[in-house]
Amino acid sequence: MSRKAVLLFIITISLGHDTEADIPKWTSFSRGGLVNVNNNNSGVATYFRLKRLTNYTFRDIRFYAHLFGSDQDIRLRQKSSRIFVSIPWLYNFTTVCYQRNTLVDIALRYHYNQGLGILLRNTERGNITTEMGLAYDMSNYLEDTRKTSYLKLAFTHDKDFRHINTKLELDYFSQISDINIYNLSRFQAMGELQWKFYQNLKLIGGFYQELRTNRTYNNKNTLLHITIGWSKLLKWE
């Protein structure tokens, strides 16, 4: 048996699963509320998410829109991941994201990353993950085709209590191409505190921050939001 055949067999065994027992669950999430930046600029916050989950796969699409009149922070992100069945604490992932943020002079940024993740903890009450991969983006997607490459490191921590949920997402992108021309390495942080006060309704407070490592723009642009969120389990096959 050739080396390619052995490798294909190993991958097939690792990713294979019983599709009849792996029924997908679809859930939709929506939010509406207020957002503030720099303590003197308030606007409207909206959010929509559609999640598809099975025992071995995860897919979701998220849409954020923070509108301040003349300024906007708009993000559209799609992520998919798959657990290696024979190695249940290891998974691969792919993420695609479009972002417009006039607060930090991003007209339209296209971003793509993929790699491997580790489930440090995975329980019904929450999970902890860490990820490493390669990424690239085009910071001026409509007018420039030049790609910038990065090494991605990420950490997430979700914790569920009886009526309170907490979320923390940390991403660091270390530039590995065109370093001598410009430095687009950045750190992104998102945190939320959610209070379930009635059935599927939640009061959600949180923040989003993006920091360049070379401090080329105002690092005080922290988005603070407070919203009412609701979720619904969809009966899709």
C-alpha atoms as a PDB file:
ATOM      1  CA  MET A   1       0.000   0.000   0.000  1.00  0.00           C
ATOM      2  CA  SER A   2       1.408   3.404  -0.982  1.00  0.00           C
ATOM      3  CA  ARG A   3       2.017   6.216   1.478  1.00  0.00           C
ATOM      4  CA  LYS A   4      -0.805   8.263  -0.076  1.00  0.00           C
ATOM      5  CA  ALA A   5      -3.257   5.413   0.419  1.00  0.00           C
ATOM      6  CA  VAL A   6      -2.218   5.012   4.070  1.00  0.00           C
ATOM      7  CA  LEU A   7      -2.609   8.750   4.674  1.00  0.00           C
ATOM      8  CA  LEU A   8      -6.056   8.765   3.037  1.00  0.00           C
ATOM      9  CA  PHE A   9      -7.145   5.802   5.174  1.00  0.00           C
ATOM     10  CA  ILE A  10      -6.019   7.535   8.383  1.00  0.00           C
ATOM     11  CA  ILE A  11      -7.863  10.751   7.475  1.00  0.00           C
ATOM     12  CA  THR A  12     -11.016   8.802   6.592  1.00  0.00           C
ATOM     13  CA  ILE A  13     -10.993   6.951   9.925  1.00  0.00           C
ATOM     14  CA  SER A  14     -10.336  10.185  11.832  1.00  0.00           C
ATOM     15  CA  LEU A  15     -13.162  12.151  10.223  1.00  0.00           C
ATOM     16  CA  GLY A  16     -15.710   9.405   9.668  1.00  0.00           C
ATOM     17  CA  HIS A  17     -18.875   9.251  11.733  1.00  0.00           C
ATOM     18  CA  ASP A  18     -22.393   7.877  11.787  1.00  0.00           C
ATOM     19  CA  THR A  19     -24.464  10.468   9.900  1.00  0.00           C
ATOM     20  CA  GLU A  20     -27.774   8.952  11.020  1.00  0.00           C
ATOM     21  CA  ALA A  21     -26.904   9.521  14.685  1.00  0.00           C
ATOM     22  CA  ASP A  22     -25.368  12.944  13.998  1.00  0.00           C
ATOM     23  CA  ILE A  23     -28.567  14.965  13.537  1.00  0.00           C
ATOM     24  CA  PRO A  24     -27.919  18.725  13.115  1.00  0.00           C
ATOM     25  CA  LYS A  25     -29.435  21.279  15.493  1.00  0.00           C
ATOM     26  CA  TRP A  26     -30.134  24.767  14.167  1.00  0.00           C
ATOM     27  CA  THR A  27     -30.432  27.829  16.418  1.00  0.00           C
ATOM     28  CA  SER A  28     -30.973  31.491  15.568  1.00  0.00           C
ATOM     29  CA  PHE A  29     -29.911  34.428  17.747  1.00  0.00           C
ATOM     30  CA  SER A  30     -30.932  38.092  17.403  1.00  0.00           C
ATOM     31  CA  ARG A  31     -30.167  41.269  19.361  1.00  0.00           C
ATOM     32  CA  GLY A  32     -30.988  44.938  19.425  1.00  0.00           C
ATOM     33  CA  GLY A  33     -29.837  47.780  21.628  1.00  0.00           C
ATOM     34  CA  LEU A  34     -27.334  50.591  22.102  1.00  0.00           C
ATOM     35  CA  VAL A  35     -23.589  50.919  21.532  1.00  0.00           C
ATOM     36  CA  ASN A  36     -21.164  53.584  22.736  1.00  0.00           C
ATOM     37  CA  VAL A  37     -17.569  54.448  21.834  1.00  0.00           C
ATOM     38  CA  ASN A  38     -15.222  56.979  23.460  1.00  0.00           C
ATOM     39  CA  ASN A  39     -17.941  57.890  25.998  1.00  0.00           C
ATOM     40  CA  ASN A  40     -19.453  60.559  23.722  1.00  0.00           C
ATOM     41  CA  ASN A  41     -20.532  58.740  20.567  1.00  0.00           C
ATOM     42  CA  SER A  42     -23.619  56.528  20.868  1.00  0.00           C
ATOM     43  CA  GLY A  43     -25.424  54.520  18.260  1.00  0.00           C
ATOM     44  CA  VAL A  44     -27.542  51.484  17.475  1.00  0.00           C
ATOM     45  CA  ALA A  45     -26.326  47.901  17.969  1.00  0.00           C
ATOM     46  CA  THR A  46     -27.776  44.964  16.034  1.00  0.00           C
ATOM     47  CA  TYR A  47     -26.692  41.342  15.782  1.00  0.00           C
ATOM     48  CA  PHE A  48     -27.850  38.165  14.062  1.00  0.00           C
ATOM     49  CA  ARG A  49     -26.413  34.662  14.266  1.00  0.00           C
ATOM     50  CA  LEU A  50     -27.369  31.314  12.749  1.00  0.00           C
ATOM     51  CA  LYS A  51     -25.700  28.214  14.247  1.00  0.00           C
ATOM     52  CA  ARG A  52     -25.659  24.610  13.023  1.00  0.00           C
ATOM     53  CA  LEU A  53     -24.308  22.045  15.493  1.00  0.00           C
ATOM     54  CA  THR A  54     -23.822  18.277  15.405  1.00  0.00           C
ATOM     55  CA  ASN A  55     -21.754  15.908  17.531  1.00  0.00           C
ATOM     56  CA  TYR A  56     -18.740  16.422  15.262  1.00  0.00           C
ATOM     57  CA  THR A  57     -19.250  19.644  13.309  1.00  0.00           C
ATOM     58  CA  PHE A  58     -19.905  23.303  14.011  1.00  0.00           C
ATOM     59  CA  ARG A  59     -20.954  26.017  11.565  1.00  0.00           C
ATOM     60  CA  ASP A  60     -22.221  29.498  12.156  1.00  0.00           C
ATOM     61  CA  ILE A  61     -22.621  32.858  10.493  1.00  0.00           C
ATOM     62  CA  ARG A  62     -22.656  36.102  12.464  1.00  0.00           C
ATOM     63  CA  PHE A  63     -23.596  39.615  11.442  1.00  0.00           C
ATOM     64  CA  TYR A  64     -22.753  42.628  13.632  1.00  0.00           C
ATOM     65  CA  ALA A  65     -23.825  46.199  12.820  1.00  0.00           C
ATOM     66  CA  HIS A  66     -22.893  49.123  15.075  1.00  0.00           C
ATOM     67  CA  LEU A  67     -24.170  52.343  13.518  1.00  0.00           C
ATOM     68  CA  PHE A  68     -23.142  55.820  14.702  1.00  0.00           C
ATOM     69  CA  GLY A  69     -24.596  57.997  11.965  1.00  0.00           C
ATOM     70  CA  SER A  70     -21.547  58.862   9.854  1.00  0.00           C
ATOM     71  CA  ASP A  71     -19.466  55.970  11.293  1.00  0.00           C
ATOM     72  CA  GLN A  72     -20.086  52.232  11.171  1.00  0.00           C
ATOM     73  CA  ASP A  73     -18.601  49.027  12.499  1.00  0.00           C
ATOM     74  CA  ILE A  74     -20.066  46.216  10.381  1.00  0.00           C
ATOM     75  CA  ARG A  75     -18.809  42.623  10.514  1.00  0.00           C
ATOM     76  CA  LEU A  76     -19.945  39.503   8.671  1.00  0.00           C
ATOM     77  CA  ARG A  77     -18.217  36.299   9.815  1.00  0.00           C
ATOM     78  CA  GLN A  78     -18.658  32.650   8.833  1.00  0.00           C
ATOM     79  CA  LYS A  79     -16.859  29.848  10.676  1.00  0.00           C
ATOM     80  CA  SER A  80     -16.889  26.068  10.313  1.00  0.00           C
ATOM     81  CA  SER A  81     -15.036  23.381  12.247  1.00  0.00           C
ATOM     82  CA  ARG A  82     -14.899  19.609  12.473  1.00  0.00           C
ATOM     83  CA  ILE A  83     -13.727  17.373  15.324  1.00  0.00           C
ATOM     84  CA  PHE A  84     -11.401  14.457  14.567  1.00  0.00           C
ATOM     85  CA  VAL A  85     -13.492  11.531  15.798  1.00  0.00           C
ATOM     86  CA  SER A  86     -10.519   9.413  16.854  1.00  0.00           C
ATOM     87  CA  ILE A  87      -8.987  12.478  18.587  1.00  0.00           C
ATOM     88  CA  PRO A  88     -12.064  14.156  20.179  1.00  0.00           C
ATOM     89  CA  TRP A  89     -10.108  17.055  21.706  1.00  0.00           C
ATOM     90  CA  LEU A  90      -8.691  18.169  18.332  1.00  0.00           C
ATOM     91  CA  TYR A  91     -10.515  19.953  15.501  1.00  0.00           C
ATOM     92  CA  ASN A  92      -9.809  21.899  12.335  1.00  0.00           C
ATOM     93  CA  PHE A  93     -11.443  25.226  11.492  1.00  0.00           C
ATOM     94  CA  THR A  94     -11.923  27.737   8.690  1.00  0.00           C
ATOM     95  CA  THR A  95     -13.050  31.346   9.123  1.00  0.00           C
ATOM     96  CA  VAL A  96     -14.010  33.993   6.563  1.00  0.00           C
ATOM     97  CA  CYS A  97     -14.791  37.556   7.611  1.00  0.00           C
ATOM     98  CA  TYR A  98     -15.695  40.872   5.994  1.00  0.00           C
ATOM     99  CA  GLN A  99     -15.394  44.025   8.094  1.00  0.00           C
ATOM    100  CA  ARG A 100     -16.017  47.732   7.619  1.00  0.00           C
ATOM    101  CA  ASN A 101     -14.977  49.972  10.526  1.00  0.00           C
ATOM    102  CA  THR A 102     -14.712  53.665   9.780  1.00  0.00           C
ATOM    103  CA  LEU A 103     -13.739  54.312  13.419  1.00  0.00           C
ATOM    104  CA  VAL A 104     -10.290  52.854  12.637  1.00  0.00           C
ATOM    105  CA  ASP A 105     -10.158  53.679   8.923  1.00  0.00           C
ATOM    106  CA  ILE A 106     -11.084  50.237   7.575  1.00  0.00           C
ATOM    107  CA  ALA A 107     -13.129  50.800   4.404  1.00  0.00           C
ATOM    108  CA  LEU A 108     -13.562  47.066   3.769  1.00  0.00           C
ATOM    109  CA  ARG A 109     -11.291  44.265   4.988  1.00  0.00           C
ATOM    110  CA  TYR A 110     -11.510  40.677   3.730  1.00  0.00           C
ATOM    111  CA  HIS A 111      -9.999  38.148   6.131  1.00  0.00           C
ATOM    112  CA  TYR A 112      -9.481  34.368   5.943  1.00  0.00           C
ATOM    113  CA  ASN A 113      -7.850  31.957   8.391  1.00  0.00           C
ATOM    114  CA  GLN A 114      -7.647  28.219   8.973  1.00  0.00           C
ATOM    115  CA  GLY A 115      -5.816  25.870  11.299  1.00  0.00           C
ATOM    116  CA  LEU A 116      -6.168  23.502  14.234  1.00  0.00           C
ATOM    117  CA  GLY A 117      -7.874  23.945  17.589  1.00  0.00           C
ATOM    118  CA  ILE A 118      -7.725  22.131  20.923  1.00  0.00           C
ATOM    119  CA  LEU A 119     -10.710  21.609  23.235  1.00  0.00           C
ATOM    120  CA  LEU A 120      -9.116  22.244  26.617  1.00  0.00           C
ATOM    121  CA  ARG A 121     -12.508  21.768  28.254  1.00  0.00           C
ATOM    122  CA  ASN A 122     -15.857  20.822  26.739  1.00  0.00           C
ATOM    123  CA  THR A 123     -18.845  20.379  29.053  1.00  0.00           C
ATOM    124  CA  GLU A 124     -22.546  21.263  29.100  1.00  0.00           C
ATOM    125  CA  ARG A 125     -21.657  24.241  31.312  1.00  0.00           C
ATOM    126  CA  GLY A 126     -19.095  25.731  28.949  1.00  0.00           C
ATOM    127  CA  ASN A 127     -15.874  25.195  27.093  1.00  0.00           C
ATOM    128  CA  ILE A 128     -12.324  26.457  26.713  1.00  0.00           C
ATOM    129  CA  THR A 129     -10.481  26.329  23.387  1.00  0.00           C
ATOM    130  CA  THR A 130      -7.204  27.467  21.937  1.00  0.00           C
ATOM    131  CA  GLU A 131      -6.386  27.753  18.227  1.00  0.00           C
ATOM    132  CA  MET A 132      -3.374  28.200  15.983  1.00  0.00           C
ATOM    133  CA  GLY A 133      -3.353  28.687  12.241  1.00  0.00           C
ATOM    134  CA  LEU A 134      -2.402  30.750   9.226  1.00  0.00           C
ATOM    135  CA  ALA A 135      -4.357  33.778   8.030  1.00  0.00           C
ATOM    136  CA  TYR A 136      -4.333  36.434   5.380  1.00  0.00           C
ATOM    137  CA  ASP A 137      -6.352  39.518   4.601  1.00  0.00           C
ATOM    138  CA  MET A 138      -6.713  42.394   2.172  1.00  0.00           C
ATOM    139  CA  SER A 139      -7.154  45.645   4.089  1.00  0.00           C
ATOM    140  CA  ASN A 140      -8.480  47.565   1.091  1.00  0.00           C
ATOM    141  CA  TYR A 141     -10.537  44.822  -0.523  1.00  0.00           C
ATOM    142  CA  LEU A 142     -12.191  46.924  -3.248  1.00  0.00           C
ATOM    143  CA  GLU A 143      -9.037  48.653  -4.534  1.00  0.00           C
ATOM    144  CA  ASP A 144      -6.015  46.514  -3.580  1.00  0.00           C
ATOM    145  CA  THR A 145      -5.305  42.833  -4.292  1.00  0.00           C
ATOM    146  CA  ARG A 146      -2.165  42.639  -2.134  1.00  0.00           C
ATOM    147  CA  LYS A 147      -2.490  40.039   0.615  1.00  0.00           C
ATOM    148  CA  THR A 148      -0.923  40.253   4.053  1.00  0.00           C
ATOM    149  CA  SER A 149      -0.161  36.972   5.859  1.00  0.00           C
ATOM    150  CA  TYR A 150      -0.301  36.284   9.592  1.00  0.00           C
ATOM    151  CA  LEU A 151       0.169  33.627  12.242  1.00  0.00           C
ATOM    152  CA  LYS A 152      -3.087  33.377  14.224  1.00  0.00           C
ATOM    153  CA  LEU A 153      -3.350  32.542  17.924  1.00  0.00           C
ATOM    154  CA  ALA A 154      -6.732  32.459  19.676  1.00  0.00           C
ATOM    155  CA  PHE A 155      -8.327  31.647  23.024  1.00  0.00           C
ATOM    156  CA  THR A 156     -12.023  31.366  23.940  1.00  0.00           C
ATOM    157  CA  HIS A 157     -13.746  30.751  27.264  1.00  0.00           C
ATOM    158  CA  ASP A 158     -17.523  30.260  27.618  1.00  0.00           C
ATOM    159  CA  LYS A 159     -19.095  29.626  31.006  1.00  0.00           C
ATOM    160  CA  ASP A 160     -22.782  28.995  31.750  1.00  0.00           C
ATOM    161  CA  PHE A 161     -24.376  29.423  35.146  1.00  0.00           C
ATOM    162  CA  ARG A 162     -28.041  29.140  36.087  1.00  0.00           C
ATOM    163  CA  HIS A 163     -29.059  32.599  34.864  1.00  0.00           C
ATOM    164  CA  ILE A 164     -25.705  34.109  33.867  1.00  0.00           C
ATOM    165  CA  ASN A 165     -23.457  33.344  30.889  1.00  0.00           C
ATOM    166  CA  THR A 166     -19.992  34.740  30.241  1.00  0.00           C
ATOM    167  CA  LYS A 167     -18.009  34.809  26.995  1.00  0.00           C
ATOM    168  CA  LEU A 168     -14.441  35.821  26.229  1.00  0.00           C
ATOM    169  CA  GLU A 169     -12.725  35.670  22.825  1.00  0.00           C
ATOM    170  CA  LEU A 170      -9.088  36.719  22.295  1.00  0.00           C
ATOM    171  CA  ASP A 171      -7.391  36.726  18.884  1.00  0.00           C
ATOM    172  CA  TYR A 172      -3.831  37.740  17.994  1.00  0.00           C
ATOM    173  CA  PHE A 173      -2.619  38.054  14.402  1.00  0.00           C
ATOM    174  CA  SER A 174       1.172  38.308  14.059  1.00  0.00           C
ATOM    175  CA  GLN A 175       2.201  39.582  10.624  1.00  0.00           C
ATOM    176  CA  ILE A 176       4.674  37.344   8.770  1.00  0.00           C
ATOM    177  CA  SER A 177       4.777  39.079   5.349  1.00  0.00           C
ATOM    178  CA  ASP A 178       5.683  42.636   4.246  1.00  0.00           C
ATOM    179  CA  ILE A 179       6.879  43.387   7.779  1.00  0.00           C
ATOM    180  CA  ASN A 180       9.368  46.030   6.610  1.00  0.00           C
ATOM    181  CA  ILE A 181       6.701  47.890   4.586  1.00  0.00           C
ATOM    182  CA  TYR A 182       3.951  48.226   7.191  1.00  0.00           C
ATOM    183  CA  ASN A 183       2.880  46.475  10.375  1.00  0.00           C
ATOM    184  CA  LEU A 184      -0.718  45.255  10.551  1.00  0.00           C
ATOM    185  CA  SER A 185      -0.262  42.872  13.488  1.00  0.00           C
ATOM    186  CA  ARG A 186      -3.228  43.258  15.803  1.00  0.00           C
ATOM    187  CA  PHE A 187      -4.950  42.023  18.920  1.00  0.00           C
ATOM    188  CA  GLN A 188      -8.736  41.628  19.086  1.00  0.00           C
ATOM    189  CA  ALA A 189     -10.785  41.082  22.246  1.00  0.00           C
ATOM    190  CA  MET A 190     -14.497  40.501  22.786  1.00  0.00           C
ATOM    191  CA  GLY A 191     -16.222  39.919  26.110  1.00  0.00           C
ATOM    192  CA  GLU A 192     -19.858  39.552  27.159  1.00  0.00           C
ATOM    193  CA  LEU A 193     -21.949  39.100  30.275  1.00  0.00           C
ATOM    194  CA  GLN A 194     -25.435  37.703  29.617  1.00  0.00           C
ATOM    195  CA  TRP A 195     -28.329  37.598  32.063  1.00  0.00           C
ATOM    196  CA  LYS A 196     -31.269  35.330  31.196  1.00  0.00           C
ATOM    197  CA  PHE A 197     -34.233  37.115  32.767  1.00  0.00           C
ATOM    198  CA  TYR A 198     -37.212  35.553  30.973  1.00  0.00           C
ATOM    199  CA  GLN A 199     -37.445  32.319  28.952  1.00  0.00           C
ATOM    200  CA  ASN A 200     -35.243  32.867  25.855  1.00  0.00           C
ATOM    201  CA  LEU A 201     -34.669  36.579  26.513  1.00  0.00           C
ATOM    202  CA  LYS A 202     -31.310  37.886  27.747  1.00  0.00           C
ATOM    203  CA  LEU A 203     -29.890  41.225  28.789  1.00  0.00           C
ATOM    204  CA  ILE A 204     -26.380  41.402  27.304  1.00  0.00           C
ATOM    205  CA  GLY A 205     -23.544  43.796  28.060  1.00  0.00           C
ATOM    206  CA  GLY A 206     -20.182  43.564  26.378  1.00  0.00           C
ATOM    207  CA  PHE A 207     -17.212  45.144  24.638  1.00  0.00           C
ATOM    208  CA  TYR A 208     -15.163  44.796  21.467  1.00  0.00           C
ATOM    209  CA  GLN A 209     -11.626  46.151  21.048  1.00  0.00           C
ATOM    210  CA  GLU A 210      -9.079  45.980  18.244  1.00  0.00           C
ATOM    211  CA  LEU A 211      -5.519  47.126  18.961  1.00  0.00           C
ATOM    212  CA  ARG A 212      -2.674  47.489  16.495  1.00  0.00           C
ATOM    213  CA  THR A 213       0.679  46.515  17.986  1.00  0.00           C
ATOM    214  CA  ASN A 214       2.338  49.586  16.457  1.00  0.00           C
ATOM    215  CA  ARG A 215      -0.370  51.930  17.842  1.00  0.00           C
ATOM    216  CA  THR A 216      -0.927  53.663  14.505  1.00  0.00           C
ATOM    217  CA  TYR A 217      -4.472  54.734  15.423  1.00  0.00           C
ATOM    218  CA  ASN A 218      -6.483  55.732  18.471  1.00  0.00           C
ATOM    219  CA  ASN A 219      -6.512  52.704  20.742  1.00  0.00           C
ATOM    220  CA  LYS A 220      -9.333  54.149  22.855  1.00  0.00           C
ATOM    221  CA  ASN A 221     -12.001  53.056  20.364  1.00  0.00           C
ATOM    222  CA  THR A 222     -13.546  50.413  22.612  1.00  0.00           C
ATOM    223  CA  LEU A 223     -17.089  49.513  21.602  1.00  0.00           C
ATOM    224  CA  LEU A 224     -19.394  49.068  24.611  1.00  0.00           C
ATOM    225  CA  HIS A 225     -22.855  47.673  23.975  1.00  0.00           C
ATOM    226  CA  ILE A 226     -25.967  46.791  25.924  1.00  0.00           C
ATOM    227  CA  THR A 227     -28.664  44.837  24.109  1.00  0.00           C
ATOM    228  CA  ILE A 228     -31.691  42.619  24.506  1.00  0.00           C
ATOM    229  CA  GLY A 229     -31.109  39.221  22.891  1.00  0.00           C
ATOM    230  CA  TRP A 230     -33.359  36.320  22.082  1.00  0.00           C
ATOM    231  CA  SER A 231     -32.762  32.850  20.662  1.00  0.00           C
ATOM    232  CA  LYS A 232     -34.888  30.206  18.977  1.00  0.00           C
ATOM    233  CA  LEU A 233     -34.297  26.534  18.259  1.00  0.00           C
ATOM    234  CA  LEU A 234     -35.194  25.907  14.602  1.00  0.00           C
ATOM    235  CA  LYS A 235     -36.861  22.643  13.606  1.00  0.00           C
ATOM    236  CA  TRP A 236     -34.893  22.106  10.405  1.00  0.00           C
ATOM    237  CA  GLU A 237     -33.782  18.725   9.141  1.00  0.00           C
END
